[in-house]
């Protein structure tokens, strides 16, 4: 079942650059609601009609959220969310006084924003005063006249932005989290972030046809993905590594925002189907899927070598035992003890797991090839871990001739893929031919049963 993710939230805080984007100036981190109050008092007159104030405040909120949701400035390499300059954003005056009626109205409206034509991203509600400057969006002084004529705030907004403007109310308030997963994505990784990148690259390709097209938008970083990233990096003058590091991630995001004109009154927009992901970005109690299976495998190995983490029974669902183990892991490695596997926890878990593999005690070195190598293996990949997998397959075939076999070439070929599909058929999971911890564990367990 697909789950909609990455929908807008109201951030707790916002970072404002007190100058033009390229100007050397300080950044100020302030509560989001305080920022909106400041801008509203800097841009508007408190004596205006209530409906005009409400329409303008909603435009200010939506404009701000558009900048944050698209990571407009971070995608260009800046370390802030928005500037305080009305020439490029909207006016914020440090330490200014706040009008009481405006403050109360923002308290009521701060977690509402505008969307257009059923799009997901907060609408880029461009506005100007309409006297000293003009624009294609809302004209502030004229909006006051419309309010005096009896128009409601929504009618005023539709007058300027179109009849398909709607107001999203009571949006979730949460910490603002960067879209970059925190660690580079590379060959052998499996993540919903990879699916996101593939969708964005496919859309960018409409404008840059030299880019390859992903006929299959899945969550695995395979050879096809690596080659596509190399091509992208080469075209856009990035270091050609085939790895999605922070600079590559945000270059893709910047181009995606640009080709879809997401900060434009007449944007192509982001539709709901573009945000449908197969699995959750965060794993928590009740979650299921291959990421939970991988999580359980990692936890059991880590718990085996670390007495501070209880080695409990787990199944295919993130249950209370999983949560207990996760919280123990987070406590051990000084992470927020939430019981939720977010990006930070997952990255730390992978780091700890790989460190265990690289420093196995001498008494268990003989079993090293039986321990999952920490990366998803797929068609075209090469390495000693692929060869170890193939040798286990051969051993299992020798013990059970009904089980298919393959050569131990160290290259993940079509025969190896076929064998893994048979494993997946027996496990009653998706037959994609990719070897993850679930498939690896099945083969090891079958060998142990015969041994």
Protein backbone atom coordinates (compact mmCIF):
# COMPACT_ATOMS: atom_id res chain seq x y z
CA UNK A 1 0.00 0.00 0.00
CA UNK A 2 1.45 3.37 -1.03
CA UNK A 3 1.78 6.12 1.53
CA UNK A 4 1.84 9.81 0.74
CA UNK A 5 4.95 11.44 2.17
CA UNK A 6 6.93 14.68 2.04
CA UNK A 7 3.77 16.80 2.21
CA UNK A 8 4.23 20.30 3.65
CA UNK A 9 4.41 20.90 7.37
CA UNK A 10 4.61 24.14 9.30
CA UNK A 11 8.20 24.33 10.62
CA UNK A 12 8.88 25.22 14.21
CA UNK A 13 11.66 27.60 13.18
CA UNK A 14 13.00 29.40 10.12
CA UNK A 15 16.47 30.74 9.27
CA UNK A 16 16.40 34.28 7.86
CA UNK A 17 19.37 35.81 6.06
CA UNK A 18 19.55 39.51 6.95
CA UNK A 19 20.65 40.67 3.51
CA UNK A 20 20.54 39.79 -0.17
CA UNK A 21 21.38 36.15 -0.98
CA UNK A 22 25.02 36.80 -1.94
CA UNK A 23 25.51 39.59 0.59
CA UNK A 24 27.65 38.85 3.64
CA UNK A 25 25.18 39.13 6.49
CA UNK A 26 24.17 37.18 9.56
CA UNK A 27 21.57 34.44 9.65
CA UNK A 28 18.91 34.56 12.34
CA UNK A 29 17.03 31.47 13.54
CA UNK A 30 13.59 32.38 14.88
CA UNK A 31 10.22 30.71 15.47
CA UNK A 32 8.16 30.48 12.28
CA UNK A 33 5.18 32.21 13.85
CA UNK A 34 7.36 35.11 15.03
CA UNK A 35 8.74 35.48 11.51
CA UNK A 36 5.24 35.66 9.99
CA UNK A 37 4.15 38.27 12.56
CA UNK A 38 7.22 40.38 11.81
CA UNK A 39 6.75 40.24 8.03
CA UNK A 40 3.01 40.96 8.30
CA UNK A 41 3.73 44.03 10.45
CA UNK A 42 6.51 45.12 8.07
CA UNK A 43 4.43 44.65 4.89
CA UNK A 44 0.90 45.61 6.02
CA UNK A 45 -0.99 48.34 7.83
CA UNK A 46 -2.80 47.26 11.03
CA UNK A 47 -5.68 49.62 10.26
CA UNK A 48 -6.64 47.70 7.11
CA UNK A 49 -9.88 45.80 6.91
CA UNK A 50 -9.76 42.42 8.62
CA UNK A 51 -10.46 40.55 5.37
CA UNK A 52 -7.60 42.32 3.59
CA UNK A 53 -5.24 41.55 6.45
CA UNK A 54 -6.27 37.90 6.46
CA UNK A 55 -5.80 37.53 2.69
CA UNK A 56 -2.38 39.17 2.82
CA UNK A 57 -1.23 37.13 5.82
CA UNK A 58 -2.23 33.90 4.06
CA UNK A 59 -0.21 35.04 1.03
CA UNK A 60 2.80 35.75 3.26
CA UNK A 61 2.55 32.33 4.94
CA UNK A 62 2.19 30.51 1.62
CA UNK A 63 5.09 32.41 0.03
CA UNK A 64 7.29 31.52 3.00
CA UNK A 65 6.32 27.84 2.99
CA UNK A 66 6.98 27.62 -0.75
CA UNK A 67 10.56 28.75 -0.13
CA UNK A 68 10.98 26.25 2.74
CA UNK A 69 9.26 23.25 1.15
CA UNK A 70 11.24 23.56 -2.08
CA UNK A 71 14.46 24.25 -0.16
CA UNK A 72 14.81 27.11 -2.60
CA UNK A 73 17.96 28.56 -1.09
CA UNK A 74 19.62 25.34 0.18
CA UNK A 75 19.24 23.88 -3.33
CA UNK A 76 21.38 26.79 -4.54
CA UNK A 77 24.05 26.18 -1.92
CA UNK A 78 22.93 28.71 0.72
CA UNK A 79 22.56 27.92 4.43
CA UNK A 80 19.28 29.74 5.08
CA UNK A 81 15.58 29.44 4.24
CA UNK A 82 14.74 32.98 3.14
CA UNK A 83 16.15 36.51 3.07
CA UNK A 84 14.74 39.63 4.68
CA UNK A 85 14.83 41.56 1.39
CA UNK A 86 11.53 42.47 -0.29
CA UNK A 87 13.30 42.70 -3.66
CA UNK A 88 13.71 38.91 -3.70
CA UNK A 89 11.49 37.67 -0.86
CA UNK A 90 9.58 39.72 1.72
CA UNK A 91 10.50 42.30 4.30
CA UNK A 92 11.61 41.25 7.76
CA UNK A 93 12.81 43.99 10.14
CA UNK A 94 14.87 42.79 13.06
CA UNK A 95 13.57 43.81 16.49
CA UNK A 96 10.55 45.64 15.13
CA UNK A 97 7.37 46.11 17.20
CA UNK A 98 4.41 43.83 16.54
CA UNK A 99 0.83 45.09 16.24
CA UNK A 100 -1.58 43.36 18.60
CA UNK A 101 -4.38 42.77 16.07
CA UNK A 102 -1.93 41.38 13.50
CA UNK A 103 -0.35 39.14 16.13
CA UNK A 104 -3.72 37.67 17.11
CA UNK A 105 -4.64 37.07 13.47
CA UNK A 106 -1.34 35.26 12.79
CA UNK A 107 -1.91 33.11 15.89
CA UNK A 108 -5.13 31.98 14.21
CA UNK A 109 -3.77 31.60 10.65
CA UNK A 110 -0.12 30.53 10.94
CA UNK A 111 -0.74 26.84 10.11
CA UNK A 112 -2.90 27.56 7.06
CA UNK A 113 -1.55 28.03 3.54
CA UNK A 114 -2.63 28.26 -0.09
CA UNK A 115 -2.54 25.64 -2.83
CA UNK A 116 -3.56 25.89 -6.46
CA UNK A 117 -5.34 23.36 -8.65
CA UNK A 118 -4.94 20.46 -6.19
CA UNK A 119 -1.15 20.78 -6.25
CA UNK A 120 0.88 19.73 -3.20
CA UNK A 121 3.48 22.46 -2.79
CA UNK A 122 2.45 25.67 -0.99
CA UNK A 123 1.47 28.20 -3.64
CA UNK A 124 4.04 30.81 -4.60
CA UNK A 125 1.74 33.68 -3.60
CA UNK A 126 3.60 36.56 -5.21
CA UNK A 127 2.47 39.98 -4.00
CA UNK A 128 3.49 43.66 -4.06
CA UNK A 129 2.12 46.96 -2.80
CA UNK A 130 0.63 47.91 -6.20
CA UNK A 131 1.78 51.52 -5.91
CA UNK A 132 5.58 51.77 -5.83
CA UNK A 133 5.90 48.31 -7.37
CA UNK A 134 3.69 46.10 -9.50
CA UNK A 135 3.51 42.38 -10.09
CA UNK A 136 1.25 39.68 -11.52
CA UNK A 137 0.08 38.60 -8.07
CA UNK A 138 -1.77 40.23 -5.20
CA UNK A 139 -1.74 44.05 -5.03
CA UNK A 140 -1.81 44.96 -1.36
CA UNK A 141 -3.43 48.38 -1.53
CA UNK A 142 -6.04 47.19 -4.00
CA UNK A 143 -6.80 44.20 -1.75
CA UNK A 144 -7.77 46.70 0.95
CA UNK A 145 -10.20 48.33 -1.50
CA UNK A 146 -11.69 44.93 -2.35
CA UNK A 147 -12.19 44.21 1.35
CA UNK A 148 -13.95 47.54 1.79
CA UNK A 149 -16.26 46.50 -1.06
CA UNK A 150 -17.31 43.49 1.00
CA UNK A 151 -15.16 40.71 -0.48
CA UNK A 152 -14.07 37.94 1.87
CA UNK A 153 -10.41 37.00 2.25
CA UNK A 154 -10.87 33.92 0.03
CA UNK A 155 -12.64 36.00 -2.62
CA UNK A 156 -9.75 38.46 -2.57
CA UNK A 157 -7.23 35.63 -2.99
CA UNK A 158 -9.22 34.11 -5.87
CA UNK A 159 -9.47 37.55 -7.51
CA UNK A 160 -5.68 37.64 -7.82
CA UNK A 161 -4.62 34.00 -7.98
CA UNK A 162 -7.53 32.32 -9.75
CA UNK A 163 -10.70 30.44 -8.83
CA UNK A 164 -8.76 27.20 -8.19
CA UNK A 165 -7.03 28.61 -5.11
CA UNK A 166 -7.91 26.78 -1.90
CA UNK A 167 -6.80 27.09 1.71
CA UNK A 168 -5.19 24.15 3.52
CA UNK A 169 -6.12 24.52 7.18
CA UNK A 170 -4.54 23.23 10.39
CA UNK A 171 -1.42 21.81 8.76
CA UNK A 172 0.88 19.76 10.98
CA UNK A 173 3.55 21.67 12.91
CA UNK A 174 6.88 19.85 13.06
CA UNK A 175 10.64 20.47 12.97
CA UNK A 176 11.92 21.43 9.52
CA UNK A 177 13.99 18.53 8.18
CA UNK A 178 16.29 18.75 5.16
CA UNK A 179 15.34 16.44 2.30
CA UNK A 180 18.93 15.20 1.86
CA UNK A 181 19.14 11.84 3.67
CA UNK A 182 22.28 12.83 5.57
CA UNK A 183 24.65 10.31 3.96
CA UNK A 184 25.53 9.80 0.27
CA UNK A 185 23.42 7.30 -1.66
CA UNK A 186 25.53 4.78 -3.56
CA UNK A 187 25.55 1.45 -5.36
CA UNK A 188 23.93 -1.21 -3.17
CA UNK A 189 21.71 1.16 -1.17
CA UNK A 190 17.96 0.75 -0.85
CA UNK A 191 15.86 3.74 0.16
CA UNK A 192 12.71 5.63 -0.75
CA UNK A 193 15.02 8.63 -1.26
CA UNK A 194 16.31 6.81 -4.34
CA UNK A 195 12.79 6.55 -5.73
CA UNK A 196 12.32 10.29 -5.16
CA UNK A 197 15.52 11.10 -7.06
CA UNK A 198 14.56 8.86 -9.99
CA UNK A 199 11.19 10.56 -10.38
CA UNK A 200 12.83 13.97 -10.31
CA UNK A 201 15.46 12.94 -12.86
CA UNK A 202 12.78 11.58 -15.20
CA UNK A 203 10.99 14.93 -15.10
CA UNK A 204 14.23 16.89 -15.61
CA UNK A 205 14.91 14.72 -18.67
CA UNK A 206 11.93 16.34 -20.45
CA UNK A 207 14.03 19.51 -20.57
CA UNK A 208 17.43 17.79 -20.80
CA UNK A 209 16.97 14.79 -23.16
CA UNK A 210 20.65 13.79 -22.89
CA UNK A 211 19.82 12.36 -19.47
CA UNK A 212 18.87 8.65 -19.32
CA UNK A 213 15.28 7.66 -18.53
CA UNK A 214 14.35 5.28 -15.70
CA UNK A 215 11.84 2.83 -17.12
CA UNK A 216 11.50 1.36 -13.64
CA UNK A 217 11.30 3.77 -10.72
CA UNK A 218 12.20 1.50 -7.80
CA UNK A 219 13.99 2.04 -4.50
CA UNK A 220 17.25 0.24 -5.34
CA UNK A 221 20.53 1.94 -6.24
CA UNK A 222 21.65 -0.45 -8.97
CA UNK A 223 24.13 -0.26 -11.84
CA UNK A 224 21.55 1.56 -14.00
CA UNK A 225 21.13 4.18 -11.28
CA UNK A 226 24.88 4.60 -10.86
CA UNK A 227 25.38 5.12 -14.61
CA UNK A 228 22.53 7.63 -14.74
CA UNK A 229 24.03 9.64 -11.87
CA UNK A 230 27.40 9.63 -13.62
CA UNK A 231 25.77 11.02 -16.76
CA UNK A 232 23.96 13.70 -14.75
CA UNK A 233 27.14 14.72 -12.94
CA UNK A 234 29.04 14.91 -16.22
CA UNK A 235 26.38 17.09 -17.90
CA UNK A 236 26.13 19.51 -14.99
CA UNK A 237 29.85 19.80 -14.24
CA UNK A 238 29.85 17.92 -10.95
CA UNK A 239 32.51 15.47 -9.84
CA UNK A 240 31.67 12.25 -11.68
CA UNK A 241 31.45 9.63 -8.93
CA UNK A 242 28.13 7.87 -9.55
CA UNK A 243 27.29 8.68 -5.91
CA UNK A 244 24.48 11.00 -4.84
CA UNK A 245 26.27 13.23 -2.37
CA UNK A 246 24.84 16.46 -0.97
CA UNK A 247 25.90 18.61 -3.93
CA UNK A 248 24.41 16.16 -6.45
CA UNK A 249 21.20 15.81 -4.42
CA UNK A 250 20.61 19.55 -4.30
CA UNK A 251 21.59 20.09 -7.93
CA UNK A 252 18.86 17.61 -8.89
CA UNK A 253 16.40 19.36 -6.57
CA UNK A 254 17.29 22.79 -7.96
CA UNK A 255 16.76 21.66 -11.55
CA UNK A 256 13.52 19.89 -10.64
CA UNK A 257 12.20 23.06 -8.99
CA UNK A 258 13.29 25.08 -12.02
CA UNK A 259 11.87 22.95 -14.85
CA UNK A 260 8.53 22.65 -13.03
CA UNK A 261 8.56 26.39 -12.17
CA UNK A 262 7.55 25.58 -8.61
CA UNK A 263 8.27 29.13 -7.45
CA UNK A 264 6.07 30.72 -10.07
CA UNK A 265 2.48 31.92 -10.14
CA UNK A 266 1.79 29.57 -13.04
CA UNK A 267 3.65 26.49 -11.87
CA UNK A 268 3.39 23.00 -13.31
CA UNK A 269 3.12 22.00 -9.67
CA UNK A 270 3.62 18.76 -7.77
CA UNK A 271 0.73 16.32 -7.97
CA UNK A 272 -0.14 13.82 -5.25
CA UNK A 273 0.87 10.83 -7.37
CA UNK A 274 4.43 12.15 -7.53
CA UNK A 275 4.69 11.74 -3.76
CA UNK A 276 3.34 8.21 -3.54
CA UNK A 277 6.11 6.07 -2.09
CA UNK A 278 6.01 2.35 -1.46
CA UNK A 279 7.40 2.46 2.06
CA UNK A 280 7.66 5.03 4.81
CA UNK A 281 10.73 7.22 5.10
CA UNK A 282 10.61 6.64 8.88
CA UNK A 283 10.11 3.22 10.42
CA UNK A 284 8.04 3.01 13.58
CA UNK A 285 5.72 0.69 15.48
CA UNK A 286 3.34 -0.89 12.96
CA UNK A 287 5.61 -0.43 9.91
CA UNK A 288 6.16 -3.35 7.54
CA UNK A 289 8.17 -4.06 4.39
CA UNK A 290 11.74 -4.89 3.35
CA UNK A 291 13.19 -1.96 5.26
CA UNK A 292 11.78 -3.44 8.48
CA UNK A 293 13.32 -6.80 7.58
CA UNK A 294 16.65 -5.10 7.03
CA UNK A 295 16.26 -3.18 10.28
CA UNK A 296 15.63 -6.42 12.19
CA UNK A 297 18.66 -8.09 10.64
CA UNK A 298 20.92 -5.16 11.58
CA UNK A 299 19.50 -4.96 15.11
CA UNK A 300 20.02 -8.66 15.78
CA UNK A 301 23.63 -8.58 14.60
CA UNK A 302 24.37 -5.41 16.56
CA UNK A 303 22.67 -6.82 19.67
CA UNK A 304 24.68 -10.06 19.37
CA UNK A 305 27.93 -8.09 19.63
CA UNK A 306 26.71 -5.36 22.01
CA UNK A 307 25.31 -6.48 25.40
CA UNK A 308 23.75 -3.03 25.97
CA UNK A 309 21.10 -3.85 23.36
CA UNK A 310 18.65 -6.67 24.19
CA UNK A 311 18.47 -9.49 21.64
CA UNK A 312 14.69 -9.97 21.41
CA UNK A 313 12.46 -12.01 19.12
CA UNK A 314 11.23 -10.05 16.11
CA UNK A 315 9.07 -10.89 13.09
CA UNK A 316 8.13 -9.12 9.86
CA UNK A 317 6.47 -6.19 11.66
CA UNK A 318 7.96 -3.31 13.62
CA UNK A 319 6.51 -4.35 17.00
CA UNK A 320 7.11 -3.56 20.68
CA UNK A 321 10.26 -5.69 20.74
CA UNK A 322 11.62 -3.76 17.76
CA UNK A 323 10.86 -0.47 19.50
CA UNK A 324 12.61 -1.66 22.68
CA UNK A 325 15.73 -2.61 20.70
CA UNK A 326 15.68 0.64 18.74
CA UNK A 327 15.41 2.73 21.90
CA UNK A 328 18.28 0.80 23.47
CA UNK A 329 20.36 1.42 20.33
CA UNK A 330 19.53 5.13 20.38
CA UNK A 331 20.39 5.37 24.06
CA UNK A 332 23.71 3.55 23.53
CA UNK A 333 24.76 5.80 20.67
CA UNK A 334 23.44 9.05 22.20
CA UNK A 335 20.59 9.64 19.77
CA UNK A 336 17.14 10.98 20.71
CA UNK A 337 15.40 8.04 22.40
CA UNK A 338 12.23 8.04 20.28
CA UNK A 339 11.85 4.41 19.23
CA UNK A 340 11.43 5.70 15.67
CA UNK A 341 14.01 4.88 13.01
CA UNK A 342 14.49 8.19 11.23
CA UNK A 343 17.29 8.97 8.79
CA UNK A 344 19.78 9.81 11.53
CA UNK A 345 19.13 6.56 13.42
CA UNK A 346 19.26 4.47 10.24
CA UNK A 347 22.54 6.03 9.11
CA UNK A 348 24.07 5.38 12.53
CA UNK A 349 22.81 1.80 12.50
CA UNK A 350 24.43 1.15 9.11
CA UNK A 351 27.66 2.70 10.38
CA UNK A 352 27.69 0.48 13.48
CA UNK A 353 26.80 -2.63 11.49
CA UNK A 354 29.56 -2.09 8.91
CA UNK A 355 32.04 -1.38 11.70
CA UNK A 356 31.15 -4.76 13.24
CA UNK A 357 31.74 -6.48 9.90
CA UNK A 358 35.14 -4.84 9.58
CA UNK A 359 36.21 -5.76 13.12
CA UNK A 360 34.83 -9.24 13.69
CA UNK A 361 36.35 -11.15 16.62
CA UNK A 362 38.75 -13.88 15.52
CA UNK A 363 36.50 -16.65 16.80
CA UNK A 364 33.70 -15.70 14.35
CA UNK A 365 35.82 -14.80 11.31
CA UNK A 366 35.14 -18.24 9.88
CA UNK A 367 31.47 -17.24 9.56
CA UNK A 368 32.14 -13.86 7.91
CA UNK A 369 30.83 -14.95 4.50
CA UNK A 370 27.55 -15.94 6.13
CA UNK A 371 26.93 -12.42 7.44
CA UNK A 372 24.98 -10.06 5.18
CA UNK A 373 27.48 -7.62 3.58
CA UNK A 374 25.42 -4.50 4.26
CA UNK A 375 24.45 -3.64 0.72
CA UNK A 376 21.70 -4.77 -1.68
CA UNK A 377 23.13 -6.87 -4.51
CA UNK A 378 21.60 -6.63 -7.97
CA UNK A 379 22.22 -7.38 -11.65
CA UNK A 380 25.63 -6.25 -12.89
CA UNK A 381 27.23 -5.70 -9.49
CA UNK A 382 30.60 -7.29 -8.73
CA UNK A 383 32.65 -8.07 -5.66
CA UNK A 384 33.66 -10.59 -3.03
CA UNK A 385 30.19 -10.35 -1.45
CA UNK A 386 28.60 -11.42 -4.74
CA UNK A 387 31.02 -14.33 -4.93
CA UNK A 388 30.22 -15.31 -1.32
CA UNK A 389 26.53 -15.33 -2.21
CA UNK A 390 27.14 -17.49 -5.28
CA UNK A 391 29.21 -19.98 -3.29
CA UNK A 392 26.42 -20.31 -0.74
CA UNK A 393 23.97 -20.90 -3.58
CA UNK A 394 26.24 -23.63 -4.95
CA UNK A 395 26.51 -25.24 -1.52
CA UNK A 396 22.75 -25.20 -1.09
CA UNK A 397 22.28 -26.68 -4.59
CA UNK A 398 24.72 -29.48 -3.75
CA UNK A 399 22.76 -30.27 -0.61
CA UNK A 400 19.40 -29.86 -2.34
CA UNK A 401 19.54 -30.46 -6.14
CA UNK A 402 16.02 -29.02 -6.51
CA UNK A 403 17.44 -25.62 -5.59
CA UNK A 404 18.85 -23.79 -8.68
CA UNK A 405 22.54 -22.91 -8.91
CA UNK A 406 24.94 -20.46 -10.54
CA UNK A 407 28.66 -19.96 -11.18
CA UNK A 408 30.86 -18.25 -8.57
CA UNK A 409 32.16 -15.53 -10.90
CA UNK A 410 31.87 -12.60 -8.50
CA UNK A 411 29.56 -10.92 -11.03
CA UNK A 412 25.83 -10.76 -10.28
CA UNK A 413 24.58 -12.20 -13.57
CA UNK A 414 21.16 -13.26 -14.85
CA UNK A 415 21.58 -16.77 -13.40
CA UNK A 416 22.18 -15.35 -9.94
CA UNK A 417 19.18 -13.07 -10.36
CA UNK A 418 17.03 -16.07 -11.34
CA UNK A 419 18.09 -17.96 -8.22
CA UNK A 420 17.20 -15.02 -6.00
CA UNK A 421 13.81 -14.73 -7.67
CA UNK A 422 13.22 -18.36 -6.70
CA UNK A 423 14.17 -17.51 -3.11
CA UNK A 424 11.73 -14.61 -3.19
CA UNK A 425 9.02 -16.87 -4.60
CA UNK A 426 9.50 -19.22 -1.67
CA UNK A 427 9.43 -16.30 0.75
CA UNK A 428 6.28 -14.97 -0.95
CA UNK A 429 7.75 -11.51 -1.43
CA UNK A 430 8.25 -9.32 -4.50
CA UNK A 431 10.30 -11.20 -7.12
CA UNK A 432 12.68 -8.43 -8.16
CA UNK A 433 15.88 -10.51 -8.18
CA UNK A 434 17.64 -8.20 -5.69
CA UNK A 435 19.44 -9.74 -2.72
CA UNK A 436 18.79 -8.02 0.58
CA UNK A 437 19.07 -9.25 4.18
CA UNK A 438 15.86 -11.29 3.92
CA UNK A 439 17.06 -13.29 0.92
CA UNK A 440 20.57 -13.63 2.36
CA UNK A 441 19.25 -14.91 5.69
CA UNK A 442 16.99 -17.46 3.95
CA UNK A 443 19.93 -19.00 2.06
CA UNK A 444 22.12 -19.09 5.19
CA UNK A 445 19.34 -20.68 7.24
CA UNK A 446 18.70 -23.33 4.59
CA UNK A 447 22.39 -24.26 4.58
CA UNK A 448 22.45 -24.43 8.40
CA UNK A 449 19.40 -26.69 8.45
CA UNK A 450 21.13 -29.21 6.18
CA UNK A 451 24.47 -28.87 8.01
